[in-house]
């Protein structure tokens, strides 16, 4: 069902760069042995609202995810305002707002904090006024400082709409937007979309309910910060990591029934056993927050490049691990009677942790999409990070035992640097392919 609106001046710049808002040709998408989309062609102009009808499972959501840049088609091409979406389509994704079945919000952040996070993703400067205006448009201004988890389902859906329209996209993609909304909220959404179309922008929505296509009546004319804040809010992962590290040190110290000083030969191994498992614990949470409400789709649909998203997540994991390691290191020194205040040891820990965070974030992104993520992550992570663990243990042993430091500088530090460089080049490069399958 297609309804034209009026194309006004504020859409003319985009119209000039692309005569069509959305142009898809020959789209095909297969899942296993089942073809979901077969040779789909779609052309939508500016100032139009188009409703895609169909029963559940016919491919409506798949089509919208491809148009939003969240999934790669097996064949075919997509252009948004004349700009190719395939590959690095940051400029095209900036023009799109996407509302899916999941809200793409963070439960432990407030409404205002969620919108501020997305405003940063889209590069909005001084967004406070726009955030307030957008919350008012969806009727949530009086709940701006409430955490998302305390809102009703309908309110969360309205906040998801606010997230999608915050950056004033030229194209709105909405997957069954009326689902879970009461009559008043549906009326509010209809009025908002009416204004959207009348201003020359385009709306594409999916539904299996013909009444939903009437949300918009014919007009009068012819995409590291959230992770840190979330962990500070929940605190459970910080406490778990600290407790685990302390248990490792205490158990080995007293379980071996030896004097603290005599543990020096095994101390480097004990240190990196604790750090390695803390790393896995941290990596297991790298994408878990995004899994709750589809926040990962929110990141991937933003105009931020895939490698920038990866590096941001890796940086957040790196900071978290370094903080925990800095807390545990003095405890380790006291319990085992070893000198640890060494700049060389600090450098070794930093280099090894960079490798941990980079590889761990990459494999966490793979594992989070599977049901056995807790088991799969260490199975993927440890074989690849073995060179870093060996280098860290050997270098730490020389430092802690007062051995010659020349091998540290000539052999182990260069090894850590080389593997960090390899990981930092390869992992961001293939990260986008992993998430756009």
Foldseek 3Di string as FASTA:
>chain_A
DKFAADADDVCVVLCVLAVFQKWKFQFWADDDPRTQDGGDTDTHGWLMEAEAADDPRNCPVVVLCVQLLQAPTPDIWMDGSNHTSPDQNLVRLLQEFEQDPFLLFFQLFFLQVRLVVLCVLSPNPPLPVLSLVLCVLQPCNVRRRPGNNPDDPQSSLSSSVSSRCSSPHLEYEYEASCPPHDPVSLQSQLVVVQVSSNNGGYYYYYDNDPVSSVSHDHYPDRALVVLVVVCVRVVPLVVVLLVQLVCLLVCVLPVVPDDLQVCLQCLLVSLVVSLLVNLLSLLLCLCVSCVPRVNRSVHHSHSDGQLVVLVSSLVSSLVSSVVSSVVSVVVNCVSNVWDDPDPLLVLLVSLLSLLSSLLSNLLSLLLVVDPPSSVRSVVRRCVLSVQSSVLSSVQVSCVGVVHDNVCNVPPSSVSSVVSSVVSSVPRSVCSSVSSRD
